[in-house]
């Protein structure tokens, strides 16, 4: 995970006529109140923030000191500057006018009105629809294979892959089908999908017309 010193904090452009210190103070304070910088988050060191924003370190130190005096920040030697757990001002709740409320397309509204609940993170139970017995999955074998593949990863493996699926996997599937199922096919005839539902969706798109 990248540290705060390695990330550039995005700030709005400085308005004409506004001093650097006032601009930086307003931007950091707004980030704190809006939750962009959550409680306990570590701010970049003063030298790094000064470099990122093209200002002097004394400007950053003055802003940090002002925000600390107002109760927004905490600073400790050796631990850096962090956001206070309790902010002195309540977090604003923006109100969206009715005229600018989000409107979905017809397809999006049908999805939003779907009667099928999302069960992500639901506890495992018997006979749950569309879910196999996850306790029967060979996790130890799988984790061992994943660890070996991660160690063998090369830059060439970080780009876009074959849209049909990993060629070596399709070759292994073809050999398995030929040996165990008496199905003779070539790797070029095999398509790797994320689920049976995706496979049915692809078939429907290829074979069926509206109506």
Protein backbone atom coordinates (compact mmCIF):
# COMPACT_ATOMS: atom_id res chain seq x y z
CA UNK A 1 0.00 0.00 0.00
CA UNK A 2 1.31 3.43 -0.93
CA UNK A 3 1.91 5.89 1.89
CA UNK A 4 0.59 9.43 2.07
CA UNK A 5 4.04 10.76 1.14
CA UNK A 6 3.87 8.83 -2.14
CA UNK A 7 0.39 10.07 -3.13
CA UNK A 8 -0.30 13.52 -4.49
CA UNK A 9 -3.23 15.16 -2.73
CA UNK A 10 -5.59 16.56 -5.38
CA UNK A 11 -6.57 20.18 -4.69
CA UNK A 12 -8.66 22.66 -6.67
CA UNK A 13 -6.85 25.43 -8.57
CA UNK A 14 -6.12 28.57 -6.55
CA UNK A 15 -8.58 31.39 -7.33
CA UNK A 16 -7.13 34.61 -8.62
CA UNK A 17 -6.26 37.05 -5.87
CA UNK A 18 -6.25 34.46 -3.07
CA UNK A 19 -3.07 33.98 -1.06
CA UNK A 20 -1.33 30.62 -1.14
CA UNK A 21 -1.79 30.10 2.59
CA UNK A 22 -5.51 30.90 2.55
CA UNK A 23 -6.05 28.69 -0.50
CA UNK A 24 -4.20 25.74 1.00
CA UNK A 25 -6.04 26.16 4.31
CA UNK A 26 -9.46 26.22 2.62
CA UNK A 27 -8.66 23.19 0.46
CA UNK A 28 -7.38 21.06 3.35
CA UNK A 29 -10.23 22.11 5.64
CA UNK A 30 -12.78 21.21 2.95
CA UNK A 31 -11.11 17.83 2.47
CA UNK A 32 -11.32 17.20 6.20
CA UNK A 33 -14.97 18.23 6.56
CA UNK A 34 -16.12 16.28 3.49
CA UNK A 35 -14.47 13.06 4.66
CA UNK A 36 -11.94 12.91 1.82
CA UNK A 37 -9.34 12.82 4.58
CA UNK A 38 -10.96 10.49 7.14
CA UNK A 39 -10.25 10.41 10.86
CA UNK A 40 -6.81 9.02 11.61
CA UNK A 41 -5.53 9.50 8.06
CA UNK A 42 -1.92 10.60 7.80
CA UNK A 43 -1.19 13.75 5.86
CA UNK A 44 1.91 14.10 3.70
CA UNK A 45 4.99 15.51 5.44
CA UNK A 46 5.27 19.27 5.10
CA UNK A 47 8.23 19.06 2.71
CA UNK A 48 6.42 16.59 0.46
CA UNK A 49 3.14 18.54 0.37
CA UNK A 50 5.09 21.72 -0.40
CA UNK A 51 6.79 19.95 -3.30
CA UNK A 52 3.51 18.56 -4.61
CA UNK A 53 1.68 21.88 -4.56
CA UNK A 54 4.59 24.11 -5.56
CA UNK A 55 4.55 26.22 -2.38
CA UNK A 56 7.10 26.91 0.32
CA UNK A 57 7.41 24.61 3.29
CA UNK A 58 6.74 27.54 5.62
CA UNK A 59 3.31 27.95 3.99
CA UNK A 60 2.46 24.29 4.62
CA UNK A 61 3.73 24.48 8.21
CA UNK A 62 1.60 27.57 8.87
CA UNK A 63 -1.51 25.83 7.52
CA UNK A 64 -0.80 22.65 9.51
CA UNK A 65 -0.33 24.71 12.67
CA UNK A 66 -3.57 26.63 12.11
CA UNK A 67 -5.57 23.44 11.48
CA UNK A 68 -3.99 21.82 14.52
CA UNK A 69 -4.88 24.82 16.68
CA UNK A 70 -8.48 24.58 15.48
CA UNK A 71 -8.64 20.90 16.37
CA UNK A 72 -8.63 19.40 12.87
CA UNK A 73 -5.16 17.84 12.99
CA UNK A 74 -2.85 16.17 15.48
CA UNK A 75 0.90 16.25 15.17
CA UNK A 76 3.41 14.08 17.03
CA UNK A 77 7.17 13.81 16.68
CA UNK A 78 8.05 10.68 14.75
CA UNK A 79 4.41 9.93 13.89
CA UNK A 80 3.62 12.73 11.45
CA UNK A 81 0.44 14.74 11.14
CA UNK A 82 -2.90 12.93 11.27
CA UNK A 83 -6.57 13.89 11.08
CA UNK A 84 -8.29 14.29 14.44
CA UNK A 85 -10.79 11.63 15.44
CA UNK A 86 -13.35 14.33 16.25
CA UNK A 87 -13.63 17.40 14.07
CA UNK A 88 -14.71 20.68 15.67
CA UNK A 89 -17.33 21.34 12.99
CA UNK A 90 -20.06 18.91 11.88
CA UNK A 91 -19.65 17.29 8.50
CA UNK A 92 -21.84 19.07 5.95
CA UNK A 93 -24.56 17.07 4.24
CA UNK A 94 -25.01 18.31 0.67
CA UNK A 95 -28.59 18.49 -0.56
CA UNK A 96 -29.30 17.53 -4.14
CA UNK A 97 -32.11 19.54 -5.75
CA UNK A 98 -34.95 17.45 -7.16
CA UNK A 99 -34.25 18.79 -10.64
CA UNK A 100 -30.73 17.34 -10.56
CA UNK A 101 -31.59 14.01 -8.95
CA UNK A 102 -30.10 10.94 -10.59
CA UNK A 103 -32.33 9.40 -13.23
CA UNK A 104 -31.77 5.90 -14.52
CA UNK A 105 -32.35 4.64 -18.02
CA UNK A 106 -35.22 2.21 -18.61
CA UNK A 107 -32.81 -0.71 -18.51
CA UNK A 108 -31.17 0.64 -15.37
CA UNK A 109 -34.55 1.08 -13.67
CA UNK A 110 -35.49 -2.51 -14.49
CA UNK A 111 -32.28 -3.67 -12.87
CA UNK A 112 -32.92 -1.50 -9.81
CA UNK A 113 -36.43 -2.97 -9.51
CA UNK A 114 -35.22 -6.56 -9.78
CA UNK A 115 -36.92 -8.83 -7.21
CA UNK A 116 -33.79 -10.97 -6.89
CA UNK A 117 -31.79 -9.93 -3.80
CA UNK A 118 -28.04 -9.53 -3.85
CA UNK A 119 -26.48 -12.02 -1.46
CA UNK A 120 -22.86 -10.90 -1.54
CA UNK A 121 -21.34 -11.65 1.85
CA UNK A 122 -24.35 -13.67 3.03
CA UNK A 123 -23.55 -16.63 5.31
CA UNK A 124 -23.16 -20.00 3.63
CA UNK A 125 -26.17 -22.29 3.82
CA UNK A 126 -27.39 -25.41 2.10
CA UNK A 127 -29.31 -25.24 -1.20
CA UNK A 128 -28.55 -21.57 -1.80
CA UNK A 129 -29.36 -20.76 -5.44
CA UNK A 130 -26.48 -20.40 -7.90
CA UNK A 131 -23.83 -21.27 -5.30
CA UNK A 132 -21.80 -24.48 -5.11
CA UNK A 133 -20.58 -26.10 -1.91
CA UNK A 134 -17.69 -23.75 -1.21
CA UNK A 135 -16.52 -25.86 1.72
CA UNK A 136 -15.70 -28.65 -0.73
CA UNK A 137 -13.30 -26.45 -2.74
CA UNK A 138 -9.64 -27.63 -2.44
CA UNK A 139 -8.32 -24.36 -1.03
CA UNK A 140 -4.93 -25.75 0.02
CA UNK A 141 -4.19 -27.00 -3.50
CA UNK A 142 -5.53 -23.80 -5.05
CA UNK A 143 -3.48 -21.51 -2.80
CA UNK A 144 -0.33 -23.51 -3.55
CA UNK A 145 -0.88 -23.14 -7.31
CA UNK A 146 -1.62 -19.43 -6.99
CA UNK A 147 1.56 -18.88 -4.96
CA UNK A 148 3.68 -20.63 -7.57
CA UNK A 149 2.09 -18.67 -10.40
CA UNK A 150 2.62 -15.36 -8.59
CA UNK A 151 6.32 -16.11 -8.20
CA UNK A 152 6.56 -16.91 -11.90
CA UNK A 153 4.79 -13.73 -13.01
CA UNK A 154 6.64 -11.66 -15.63
CA UNK A 155 5.89 -8.20 -17.10
CA UNK A 156 4.43 -9.88 -20.20
CA UNK A 157 1.71 -11.36 -18.01
CA UNK A 158 0.42 -7.98 -16.85
CA UNK A 159 -1.15 -6.88 -20.13
CA UNK A 160 -4.47 -7.78 -21.70
CA UNK A 161 -4.90 -11.52 -22.11
CA UNK A 162 -6.53 -13.58 -24.85
CA UNK A 163 -10.27 -12.71 -24.78
CA UNK A 164 -11.07 -16.40 -25.30
CA UNK A 165 -9.22 -17.29 -22.09
CA UNK A 166 -5.75 -18.42 -21.10
CA UNK A 167 -4.42 -20.59 -23.99
CA UNK A 168 -2.74 -23.08 -21.65
CA UNK A 169 -6.00 -23.53 -19.74
CA UNK A 170 -8.00 -24.07 -22.93
CA UNK A 171 -5.42 -26.63 -24.08
CA UNK A 172 -5.71 -28.49 -20.77
CA UNK A 173 -9.52 -28.46 -20.98
CA UNK A 174 -9.41 -29.86 -24.53
CA UNK A 175 -7.13 -32.67 -23.40
CA UNK A 176 -9.35 -33.43 -20.41
CA UNK A 177 -12.49 -33.53 -22.56
CA UNK A 178 -10.80 -35.81 -25.06
CA UNK A 179 -9.49 -38.18 -22.37
CA UNK A 180 -12.33 -38.20 -19.81
CA UNK A 181 -15.44 -37.29 -21.81
CA UNK A 182 -14.70 -38.64 -25.33
CA UNK A 183 -15.25 -35.13 -26.72
CA UNK A 184 -12.78 -34.28 -29.46
CA UNK A 185 -12.28 -30.52 -29.80
CA UNK A 186 -9.53 -27.98 -30.27
CA UNK A 187 -8.49 -25.22 -27.84
CA UNK A 188 -9.73 -22.69 -30.44
CA UNK A 189 -13.25 -24.05 -29.88
CA UNK A 190 -13.17 -23.43 -26.12
CA UNK A 191 -14.19 -20.16 -24.49
CA UNK A 192 -13.54 -19.44 -20.79
CA UNK A 193 -16.42 -17.60 -19.11
CA UNK A 194 -16.91 -16.29 -15.59
CA UNK A 195 -20.09 -18.26 -14.96
CA UNK A 196 -22.79 -20.38 -16.57
CA UNK A 197 -24.97 -17.27 -16.67
CA UNK A 198 -22.39 -15.43 -18.74
CA UNK A 199 -22.17 -18.38 -21.12
CA UNK A 200 -25.95 -18.39 -21.60
CA UNK A 201 -25.91 -14.64 -22.12
CA UNK A 202 -23.28 -14.96 -24.87
CA UNK A 203 -25.29 -17.73 -26.56
CA UNK A 204 -28.45 -15.63 -26.43
CA UNK A 205 -26.71 -12.60 -27.93
CA UNK A 206 -25.22 -14.70 -30.74
CA UNK A 207 -28.25 -16.82 -31.60
CA UNK A 208 -31.37 -14.80 -30.74
CA UNK A 209 -32.88 -11.62 -32.17
CA UNK A 210 -35.24 -9.33 -30.24
CA UNK A 211 -38.76 -10.73 -30.41
